[in-house]
C-alpha atoms as a PDB file:
ATOM      1  CA  MET A   1      15.755  14.407   6.789  1.00  0.00           C
ATOM      2  CA  SER A   2      13.703  11.829   8.438  1.00  0.00           C
ATOM      3  CA  LEU A   3      13.294   8.177   6.608  1.00  0.00           C
ATOM      4  CA  ILE A   4       9.904   7.809   8.501  1.00  0.00           C
ATOM      5  CA  TYR A   5       7.732  10.308   7.855  1.00  0.00           C
ATOM      6  CA  GLU A   6       3.789  11.505   8.485  1.00  0.00           C
ATOM      7  CA  PRO A   7       2.144  11.735   5.004  1.00  0.00           C
ATOM      8  CA  SER A   8       0.059  14.238   3.857  1.00  0.00           C
ATOM      9  CA  GLY A   9      -3.205  14.782   1.975  1.00  0.00           C
ATOM     10  CA  LYS A  10      -4.498  11.878  -0.097  1.00  0.00           C
ATOM     11  CA  ALA A  11      -1.387   9.660   1.072  1.00  0.00           C
ATOM     12  CA  ARG A  12      -2.550  10.023   4.581  1.00  0.00           C
ATOM     13  CA  GLU A  13      -5.638   7.891   3.538  1.00  0.00           C
ATOM     14  CA  TYR A  14      -3.217   4.880   3.146  1.00  0.00           C
ATOM     15  CA  SER A  15      -1.167   5.188   6.204  1.00  0.00           C
ATOM     16  CA  PRO A  16      -0.625   7.624   9.261  1.00  0.00           C
ATOM     17  CA  LEU A  17       3.609   6.848   8.531  1.00  0.00           C
ATOM     18  CA  ALA A  18       5.697   6.096   5.781  1.00  0.00           C
ATOM     19  CA  LEU A  19       8.972   4.919   4.932  1.00  0.00           C
ATOM     20  CA  ASN A  20      10.231   4.947   1.295  1.00  0.00           C
ATOM     21  CA  VAL A  21      13.306   2.339   0.741  1.00  0.00           C
ATOM     22  CA  TYR A  22      14.352   3.807  -2.615  1.00  0.00           C
ATOM     23  CA  LYS A  23      14.317   6.706  -4.840  1.00  0.00           C
ATOM     24  CA  ASN A  24      12.677   6.541  -8.417  1.00  0.00           C
ATOM     25  CA  CYS A  25      10.993   3.536  -9.746  1.00  0.00           C
ATOM     26  CA  ASP A  26      11.299   1.033 -12.555  1.00  0.00           C
ATOM     27  CA  HIS A  27       7.633   0.221 -13.284  1.00  0.00           C
ATOM     28  CA  GLN A  28       7.048   2.379 -15.807  1.00  0.00           C
ATOM     29  CA  CYS A  29       3.397   3.210 -14.900  1.00  0.00           C
ATOM     30  CA  LYS A  30       1.803   5.797 -17.265  1.00  0.00           C
ATOM     31  CA  TYR A  31      -0.512   6.862 -14.610  1.00  0.00           C
ATOM     32  CA  CYS A  32       2.019   7.176 -12.023  1.00  0.00           C
ATOM     33  CA  TYR A  33       1.657  10.810 -10.050  1.00  0.00           C
ATOM     34  CA  VAL A  34       5.366  11.086  -8.942  1.00  0.00           C
ATOM     35  CA  ARG A  35       6.733   9.869 -12.500  1.00  0.00           C
ATOM     36  CA  ASN A  36       4.272  12.547 -13.910  1.00  0.00           C
ATOM     37  CA  PHE A  37       4.344  15.345 -11.732  1.00  0.00           C
ATOM     38  CA  GLN A  38       7.908  15.298  -9.539  1.00  0.00           C
ATOM     39  CA  PRO A  39      10.637  17.106 -11.778  1.00  0.00           C
ATOM     40  CA  ASN A  40      13.564  14.555 -10.854  1.00  0.00           C
ATOM     41  CA  PHE A  41      11.818  11.708 -11.283  1.00  0.00           C
ATOM     42  CA  SER A  42      13.763   8.897 -13.035  1.00  0.00           C
ATOM     43  CA  GLU A  43      13.515   5.211 -13.680  1.00  0.00           C
ATOM     44  CA  PHE A  44      17.055   4.888 -12.537  1.00  0.00           C
ATOM     45  CA  VAL A  45      16.470   3.229  -9.000  1.00  0.00           C
ATOM     46  CA  GLN A  46      18.643   4.140  -6.035  1.00  0.00           C
ATOM     47  CA  PRO A  47      18.453   2.753  -2.608  1.00  0.00           C
ATOM     48  CA  ARG A  48      18.014   4.961  -0.022  1.00  0.00           C
ATOM     49  CA  ILE A  49      20.759   4.806   2.782  1.00  0.00           C
ATOM     50  CA  LEU A  50      19.339   3.590   5.947  1.00  0.00           C
ATOM     51  CA  SER A  51      21.823   4.764   8.389  1.00  0.00           C
ATOM     52  CA  GLY A  52      19.646   6.627  11.125  1.00  0.00           C
ATOM     53  CA  LEU A  53      16.321   4.340  10.548  1.00  0.00           C
ATOM     54  CA  ASP A  54      17.151   2.015  13.690  1.00  0.00           C
ATOM     55  CA  ASN A  55      16.641   5.098  15.784  1.00  0.00           C
ATOM     56  CA  GLU A  56      13.715   6.287  13.956  1.00  0.00           C
ATOM     57  CA  ALA A  57      11.906   3.158  14.245  1.00  0.00           C
ATOM     58  CA  SER A  58      12.443   2.604  18.063  1.00  0.00           C
ATOM     59  CA  LYS A  59       9.916   5.903  18.151  1.00  0.00           C
ATOM     60  CA  ALA A  60       7.490   5.334  15.785  1.00  0.00           C
ATOM     61  CA  SER A  61       4.138   3.518  17.174  1.00  0.00           C
ATOM     62  CA  ARG A  62       1.848   3.657  14.738  1.00  0.00           C
ATOM     63  CA  GLN A  63       1.415   1.660  10.888  1.00  0.00           C
ATOM     64  CA  ILE A  64       4.604   2.390   8.776  1.00  0.00           C
ATOM     65  CA  LEU A  65       3.606   2.060   4.754  1.00  0.00           C
ATOM     66  CA  LEU A  66       6.426   1.116   2.248  1.00  0.00           C
ATOM     67  CA  CYS A  67       6.310   2.835  -0.031  1.00  0.00           C
ATOM     68  CA  PHE A  68       4.894   5.929  -1.524  1.00  0.00           C
ATOM     69  CA  THR A  69       7.798   7.151  -4.001  1.00  0.00           C
ATOM     70  CA  GLY A  70       8.359   3.843  -5.464  1.00  0.00           C
ATOM     71  CA  ASP A  71       7.851   0.076  -4.936  1.00  0.00           C
ATOM     72  CA  PRO A  72       9.557  -1.679  -2.315  1.00  0.00           C
ATOM     73  CA  TYR A  73       9.743  -4.892  -4.367  1.00  0.00           C
ATOM     74  CA  CYS A  74      10.644  -2.932  -7.943  1.00  0.00           C
ATOM     75  CA  SER A  75      12.675  -5.302 -10.261  1.00  0.00           C
ATOM     76  CA  ALA A  76      16.089  -3.154  -8.567  1.00  0.00           C
ATOM     77  CA  ASN A  77      15.270  -4.760  -5.096  1.00  0.00           C
ATOM     78  CA  ASP A  78      16.449  -7.947  -6.235  1.00  0.00           C
ATOM     79  CA  ALA A  79      19.979  -6.973  -6.288  1.00  0.00           C
ATOM     80  CA  TYR A  80      19.857  -4.148  -3.725  1.00  0.00           C
ATOM     81  CA  GLN A  81      17.797  -6.028  -1.135  1.00  0.00           C
ATOM     82  CA  ASN A  82      17.182  -2.437   0.809  1.00  0.00           C
ATOM     83  CA  THR A  83      13.609  -3.482   1.377  1.00  0.00           C
ATOM     84  CA  ARG A  84      14.553  -6.847   3.494  1.00  0.00           C
ATOM     85  CA  LYS A  85      17.298  -4.397   5.169  1.00  0.00           C
ATOM     86  CA  ALA A  86      14.596  -2.064   6.199  1.00  0.00           C
ATOM     87  CA  LEU A  87      12.022  -4.637   7.499  1.00  0.00           C
ATOM     88  CA  GLU A  88      14.695  -6.278   9.212  1.00  0.00           C
ATOM     89  CA  ILE A  89      15.569  -3.038  11.277  1.00  0.00           C
ATOM     90  CA  LEU A  90      11.553  -2.605  11.608  1.00  0.00           C
ATOM     91  CA  LYS A  91      10.674  -6.272  12.798  1.00  0.00           C
ATOM     92  CA  LYS A  92      13.787  -5.749  15.211  1.00  0.00           C
ATOM     93  CA  ASN A  93      11.635  -2.678  16.877  1.00  0.00           C
ATOM     94  CA  HIS A  94       8.369  -4.399  16.895  1.00  0.00           C
ATOM     95  CA  CYS A  95       6.767  -1.798  14.503  1.00  0.00           C
ATOM     96  CA  THR A  96       3.651  -2.165  12.634  1.00  0.00           C
ATOM     97  CA  VAL A  97       4.363  -2.514   9.029  1.00  0.00           C
ATOM     98  CA  ALA A  98       2.009  -2.313   5.657  1.00  0.00           C
ATOM     99  CA  ILE A  99       3.342  -3.365   2.401  1.00  0.00           C
ATOM    100  CA  LEU A 100       2.328  -2.136  -1.069  1.00  0.00           C
ATOM    101  CA  SER A 101       3.679  -3.330  -4.060  1.00  0.00           C
ATOM    102  CA  LYS A 102       2.918  -4.050  -7.870  1.00  0.00           C
ATOM    103  CA  GLY A 103       5.852  -6.411  -7.888  1.00  0.00           C
ATOM    104  CA  GLY A 104       3.618  -9.543  -7.467  1.00  0.00           C
ATOM    105  CA  THR A 105       5.612 -12.541  -6.585  1.00  0.00           C
ATOM    106  CA  ARG A 106       8.679 -10.838  -5.919  1.00  0.00           C
ATOM    107  CA  CYS A 107       7.341  -9.958  -2.284  1.00  0.00           C
ATOM    108  CA  LEU A 108       7.806 -14.135  -1.466  1.00  0.00           C
ATOM    109  CA  GLN A 109      11.540 -13.811  -0.981  1.00  0.00           C
ATOM    110  CA  ASP A 110      10.998 -12.138   2.406  1.00  0.00           C
ATOM    111  CA  LEU A 111       8.094 -13.959   3.572  1.00  0.00           C
ATOM    112  CA  ASP A 112      10.168 -15.935   6.536  1.00  0.00           C
ATOM    113  CA  LEU A 113      10.129 -12.028   7.823  1.00  0.00           C
ATOM    114  CA  PHE A 114       6.568 -11.791   7.020  1.00  0.00           C
ATOM    115  CA  VAL A 115       5.436 -14.680   9.086  1.00  0.00           C
ATOM    116  CA  SER A 116       7.531 -14.020  12.058  1.00  0.00           C
ATOM    117  CA  TRP A 117       6.023 -10.311  12.597  1.00  0.00           C
ATOM    118  CA  PRO A 118       5.420  -9.598  16.222  1.00  0.00           C
ATOM    119  CA  ASP A 119       1.935  -9.859  16.983  1.00  0.00           C
ATOM    120  CA  ARG A 120       0.742  -9.935  13.523  1.00  0.00           C
ATOM    121  CA  ARG A 121       0.832  -6.373  13.258  1.00  0.00           C
ATOM    122  CA  PHE A 122       1.890  -6.787   9.414  1.00  0.00           C
ATOM    123  CA  LYS A 123       0.108  -6.638   5.896  1.00  0.00           C
ATOM    124  CA  VAL A 124       0.828  -7.114   2.589  1.00  0.00           C
ATOM    125  CA  GLY A 125      -0.909  -5.398  -0.414  1.00  0.00           C
ATOM    126  CA  ALA A 126      -0.962  -5.246  -4.117  1.00  0.00           C
ATOM    127  CA  THR A 127      -2.347  -2.469  -6.437  1.00  0.00           C
ATOM    128  CA  LEU A 128      -4.872  -3.995  -8.602  1.00  0.00           C
ATOM    129  CA  THR A 129      -5.698  -2.730 -11.878  1.00  0.00           C
ATOM    130  CA  PHE A 130      -6.346  -4.674 -14.829  1.00  0.00           C
ATOM    131  CA  VAL A 131      -7.573  -8.430 -15.085  1.00  0.00           C
ATOM    132  CA  SER A 132      -6.283  -8.110 -18.685  1.00  0.00           C
ATOM    133  CA  PRO A 133      -2.716  -8.741 -18.727  1.00  0.00           C
ATOM    134  CA  GLU A 134      -2.469  -6.999 -22.384  1.00  0.00           C
ATOM    135  CA  LYS A 135      -3.673  -3.675 -21.016  1.00  0.00           C
ATOM    136  CA  SER A 136      -1.552  -3.993 -17.867  1.00  0.00           C
ATOM    137  CA  MET A 137       1.654  -4.349 -20.161  1.00  0.00           C
ATOM    138  CA  THR A 138       0.316  -1.624 -21.849  1.00  0.00           C
ATOM    139  CA  VAL A 139       0.135   0.879 -19.144  1.00  0.00           C
ATOM    140  CA  GLU A 140       2.171  -0.659 -16.527  1.00  0.00           C
ATOM    141  CA  PRO A 141       5.186  -2.124 -18.530  1.00  0.00           C
ATOM    142  CA  GLY A 142       7.559  -2.597 -15.607  1.00  0.00           C
ATOM    143  CA  ALA A 143       5.038  -4.135 -13.142  1.00  0.00           C
ATOM    144  CA  ALA A 144       4.235  -7.624 -12.268  1.00  0.00           C
ATOM    145  CA  LEU A 145       1.234  -8.712 -14.414  1.00  0.00           C
ATOM    146  CA  PRO A 146      -2.387  -9.291 -12.620  1.00  0.00           C
ATOM    147  CA  ALA A 147      -1.890 -13.128 -12.524  1.00  0.00           C
ATOM    148  CA  ASP A 148       1.420 -12.957 -11.198  1.00  0.00           C
ATOM    149  CA  ARG A 149       0.061 -10.453  -8.267  1.00  0.00           C
ATOM    150  CA  LEU A 150      -2.944 -12.675  -7.699  1.00  0.00           C
ATOM    151  CA  ASP A 151      -0.687 -15.774  -7.425  1.00  0.00           C
ATOM    152  CA  ALA A 152       1.405 -13.662  -4.655  1.00  0.00           C
ATOM    153  CA  LEU A 153      -1.884 -12.787  -2.799  1.00  0.00           C
ATOM    154  CA  GLU A 154      -2.852 -16.413  -2.831  1.00  0.00           C
ATOM    155  CA  LYS A 155       0.383 -17.475  -1.420  1.00  0.00           C
ATOM    156  CA  LEU A 156       0.634 -14.962   0.970  1.00  0.00           C
ATOM    157  CA  HIS A 157      -2.969 -15.766   2.346  1.00  0.00           C
ATOM    158  CA  ALA A 158      -2.202 -19.110   2.305  1.00  0.00           C
ATOM    159  CA  ALA A 159       0.812 -18.819   4.564  1.00  0.00           C
ATOM    160  CA  GLY A 160      -1.527 -16.749   7.160  1.00  0.00           C
ATOM    161  CA  VAL A 161      -0.035 -13.320   6.292  1.00  0.00           C
ATOM    162  CA  HIS A 162      -2.786 -10.507   6.184  1.00  0.00           C
ATOM    163  CA  THR A 163      -3.348  -8.990   2.727  1.00  0.00           C
ATOM    164  CA  TRP A 164      -4.653  -6.538   1.343  1.00  0.00           C
ATOM    165  CA  ALA A 165      -5.753  -4.430  -2.118  1.00  0.00           C
ATOM    166  CA  SER A 166      -5.343  -1.124  -3.416  1.00  0.00           C
ATOM    167  CA  ILE A 167      -7.943  -0.450  -6.312  1.00  0.00           C
ATOM    168  CA  GLU A 168      -6.697   2.654  -7.435  1.00  0.00           C
ATOM    169  CA  PRO A 169      -6.145   4.144  -9.817  1.00  0.00           C
ATOM    170  CA  VAL A 170      -9.379   2.972 -11.833  1.00  0.00           C
ATOM    171  CA  MET A 171      -8.480   3.255 -15.423  1.00  0.00           C
ATOM    172  CA  GLU A 172     -11.509   1.165 -16.569  1.00  0.00           C
ATOM    173  CA  ALA A 173     -14.518   0.204 -14.247  1.00  0.00           C
ATOM    174  CA  GLU A 174     -15.075  -2.873 -15.700  1.00  0.00           C
ATOM    175  CA  GLU A 175     -11.269  -3.833 -15.371  1.00  0.00           C
ATOM    176  CA  SER A 176     -11.086  -3.162 -11.688  1.00  0.00           C
ATOM    177  CA  ILE A 177     -14.678  -4.698 -10.618  1.00  0.00           C
ATOM    178  CA  ALA A 178     -13.084  -8.009 -12.512  1.00  0.00           C
ATOM    179  CA  ILE A 179     -10.002  -7.780 -10.794  1.00  0.00           C
ATOM    180  CA  ILE A 180     -11.686  -7.272  -7.291  1.00  0.00           C
ATOM    181  CA  ARG A 181     -13.911 -10.685  -7.917  1.00  0.00           C
ATOM    182  CA  ALA A 182     -10.843 -12.535  -9.448  1.00  0.00           C
ATOM    183  CA  SER A 183      -9.185 -11.529  -5.887  1.00  0.00           C
ATOM    184  CA  LEU A 184     -11.733 -12.125  -3.107  1.00  0.00           C
ATOM    185  CA  SER A 185     -10.670 -15.609  -2.366  1.00  0.00           C
ATOM    186  CA  CYS A 186      -7.032 -14.205  -0.931  1.00  0.00           C
ATOM    187  CA  VAL A 187      -7.633 -10.648  -0.237  1.00  0.00           C
ATOM    188  CA  ASP A 188      -8.605  -9.795   3.404  1.00  0.00           C
ATOM    189  CA  GLU A 189      -9.644  -6.063   3.222  1.00  0.00           C
ATOM    190  CA  TYR A 190      -9.925  -3.350   0.119  1.00  0.00           C
ATOM    191  CA  LYS A 191      -9.141   0.418  -0.103  1.00  0.00           C
ATOM    192  CA  VAL A 192     -11.246   1.523  -3.213  1.00  0.00           C
ATOM    193  CA  GLY A 193     -10.442   4.898  -4.843  1.00  0.00           C
ATOM    194  CA  LYS A 194     -10.638   6.305  -8.596  1.00  0.00           C
ATOM    195  CA  LEU A 195      -8.563   8.241 -11.061  1.00  0.00           C
ATOM    196  CA  ASN A 196      -6.817  11.081 -10.150  1.00  0.00           C
ATOM    197  CA  HIS A 197      -4.988  13.963 -12.127  1.00  0.00           C
ATOM    198  CA  GLN A 198      -6.209  12.535 -15.773  1.00  0.00           C
ATOM    199  CA  LYS A 199      -9.508  12.630 -17.472  1.00  0.00           C
ATOM    200  CA  SER A 200     -12.145  10.036 -17.363  1.00  0.00           C
ATOM    201  CA  THR A 201     -15.451   9.292 -18.740  1.00  0.00           C
ATOM    202  CA  THR A 202     -16.158   6.752 -15.996  1.00  0.00           C
ATOM    203  CA  ASP A 203     -19.399   7.178 -13.955  1.00  0.00           C
ATOM    204  CA  TRP A 204     -18.287   7.082 -10.726  1.00  0.00           C
ATOM    205  CA  ARG A 205     -21.313   6.899  -8.936  1.00  0.00           C
ATOM    206  CA  LYS A 206     -22.244   3.583 -10.739  1.00  0.00           C
ATOM    207  CA  PHE A 207     -18.533   2.348  -9.924  1.00  0.00           C
ATOM    208  CA  CYS A 208     -18.612   3.057  -6.324  1.00  0.00           C
ATOM    209  CA  ILE A 209     -22.069   1.248  -5.805  1.00  0.00           C
ATOM    210  CA  ASP A 210     -20.687  -2.080  -7.991  1.00  0.00           C
ATOM    211  CA  ALA A 211     -17.507  -1.928  -5.968  1.00  0.00           C
ATOM    212  CA  VAL A 212     -19.258  -2.055  -2.720  1.00  0.00           C
ATOM    213  CA  SER A 213     -21.909  -4.102  -3.699  1.00  0.00           C
ATOM    214  CA  VAL A 214     -19.206  -6.713  -4.506  1.00  0.00           C
ATOM    215  CA  LEU A 215     -17.234  -6.355  -1.228  1.00  0.00           C
ATOM    216  CA  HIS A 216     -20.396  -6.169   0.878  1.00  0.00           C
ATOM    217  CA  LYS A 217     -21.825  -9.623  -0.637  1.00  0.00           C
ATOM    218  CA  ALA A 218     -18.205 -11.351   0.147  1.00  0.00           C
ATOM    219  CA  GLY A 219     -18.156  -9.942   3.586  1.00  0.00           C
ATOM    220  CA  LYS A 220     -15.202  -8.041   3.079  1.00  0.00           C
ATOM    221  CA  ARG A 221     -13.421  -5.360   5.189  1.00  0.00           C
ATOM    222  CA  PHE A 222     -12.872  -2.184   3.078  1.00  0.00           C
ATOM    223  CA  TYR A 223     -12.552   1.738   2.921  1.00  0.00           C
ATOM    224  CA  VAL A 224     -13.610   4.077   0.175  1.00  0.00           C
ATOM    225  CA  LYS A 225     -11.345   6.750  -0.238  1.00  0.00           C
ATOM    226  CA  PHE A 226     -12.536  10.414  -0.107  1.00  0.00           C
ATOM    227  CA  ASP A 227     -12.645  11.202  -3.976  1.00  0.00           C
ATOM    228  CA  LEU A 228     -14.898   8.222  -4.345  1.00  0.00           C
ATOM    229  CA  ALA A 229     -17.136   8.475  -1.403  1.00  0.00           C
ATOM    230  CA  ALA A 230     -17.977  11.967  -2.637  1.00  0.00           C
ATOM    231  CA  PHE A 231     -20.082   9.884  -5.567  1.00  0.00           C
ATOM    232  CA  ALA A 232     -21.846   7.572  -3.377  1.00  0.00           C
ATOM    233  CA  PRO A 233     -25.595   7.982  -2.321  1.00  0.00           C
ATOM    234  CA  SER A 234     -26.548   9.480   0.620  1.00  0.00           C
ATOM    235  CA  GLY A 235     -26.496   7.085   3.351  1.00  0.00           C
ATOM    236  CA  PHE A 236     -24.862   4.146   1.113  1.00  0.00           C
ATOM    237  CA  LEU A 237     -21.534   4.065   2.675  1.00  0.00           C
ATOM    238  CA  THR A 238     -21.307   3.634   6.887  1.00  0.00           C
ATOM    239  CA  PRO A 239     -18.955   5.792   8.761  1.00  0.00           C
ATOM    240  CA  GLU A 240     -16.613   3.039   9.215  1.00  0.00           C
ATOM    241  CA  GLU A 241     -16.461   2.832   5.107  1.00  0.00           C
ATOM    242  CA  THR A 242     -14.863   5.872   4.866  1.00  0.00           C
ATOM    243  CA  ASP A 243     -12.813   6.274   7.767  1.00  0.00           C
ATOM    244  CA  PRO A 244      -9.306   5.014   6.905  1.00  0.00           C
ATOM    245  CA  GLU A 245      -8.604   4.404  10.455  1.00  0.00           C
ATOM    246  CA  THR A 246     -10.971   1.329   9.782  1.00  0.00           C
ATOM    247  CA  VAL A 247      -8.133  -0.380   7.476  1.00  0.00           C
ATOM    248  CA  PHE A 248      -5.202   0.740   9.743  1.00  0.00           C
ATOM    249  CA  LEU A 249      -3.409  -2.006  11.845  1.00  0.00           C
ATOM    250  CA  PRO A 250      -3.017  -1.678  15.449  1.00  0.00           C
ATOM    251  CA  ASP A 251      -0.437   0.598  16.784  1.00  0.00           C
ATOM    252  CA  ARG A 252       2.648  -0.931  18.333  1.00  0.00           C
ATOM    253  CA  PRO A 253       1.845  -1.622  22.459  1.00  0.00           C
ATOM    254  CA  SER A 254       2.843   1.083  24.934  1.00  0.00           C
ATOM    255  CA  SER A 255       4.814  -1.532  26.487  1.00  0.00           C
ATOM    256  CA  LEU A 256       7.072  -1.824  23.602  1.00  0.00           C
ATOM    257  CA  PHE A 257       6.981   1.664  22.793  1.00  0.00           C
ATOM    258  CA  GLN A 258      10.014   3.540  24.326  1.00  0.00           C
ATOM    259  CA  SER A 259       9.364   6.796  26.773  1.00  0.00           C
ATOM    260  CA  ARG A 260      10.501   9.944  24.263  1.00  0.00           C
ATOM    261  CA  SER A 261      11.795  13.361  25.688  1.00  0.00           C
ATOM    262  CA  VAL A 262      10.135  16.328  24.983  1.00  0.00           C
ATOM    263  CA  GLU A 263      12.831  16.990  22.158  1.00  0.00           C
ATOM    264  CA  GLU A 264      11.819  13.869  20.377  1.00  0.00           C
ATOM    265  CA  GLN A 265       8.168  15.020  20.483  1.00  0.00           C
ATOM    266  CA  ILE A 266       9.297  17.904  18.668  1.00  0.00           C
ATOM    267  CA  MET A 267      11.506  16.103  16.237  1.00  0.00           C
ATOM    268  CA  PHE A 268       9.196  13.383  15.368  1.00  0.00           C
ATOM    269  CA  PRO A 269       5.519  14.685  16.230  1.00  0.00           C
ATOM    270  CA  GLY A 270       3.675  12.060  14.355  1.00  0.00           C
ATOM    271  CA  MET A 271       5.169   9.308  15.584  1.00  0.00           C
END
């Protein structure tokens, strides 16, 4: 089974390729799709064996996201350091990489890799859900608190690392708007979605208008996910604002991309 894979469905809106460096997650987020809908999920985190990643990375030209089915900077990473091992392999192969984490300042342990990434084809993002620490502790008790996530983004931004934020899931519209406002000084681009797989009384049309208005006023680059864009007034969003490619990092230059045999193209069709 390949380590680097091509996600499908809603996940494809985040990245054309992905890599999960851990099995399971210890953040205990109550809204987590994997935690709630995958039958074998556990909060016992296991590092994935990375043998073969060097070969796969040499063939992957498009953006690779870490991670979908766990967090690259969950607390278990402090002991295992599997994320750093993976990043060192990806960097050696000049891959294009995006990080998404709720681990807050834990990610700063790898800042030396971030700032020296080839061609700056690298970005670090945080999932921002609440501005209230009490609400965060209730709903995502193992994740870093909102202030810690913002602190990480501030330090990354100050160091010249490209930063982004995922505003999804939207548990409470007011909280999401507040955390967008709180992050404007340190986030370069945004992905904005809604709440899925759970009941909600949120007025999604109003939330979409309010969130986009804040981002427009701040001059931020952003992408509105398909599920939320469906609630936008006609003509409210530009084609670029509803195209996930808008916020994907550039592919690895062809001069760094190894020529591939027909057999390899069959084995790795999305790379």
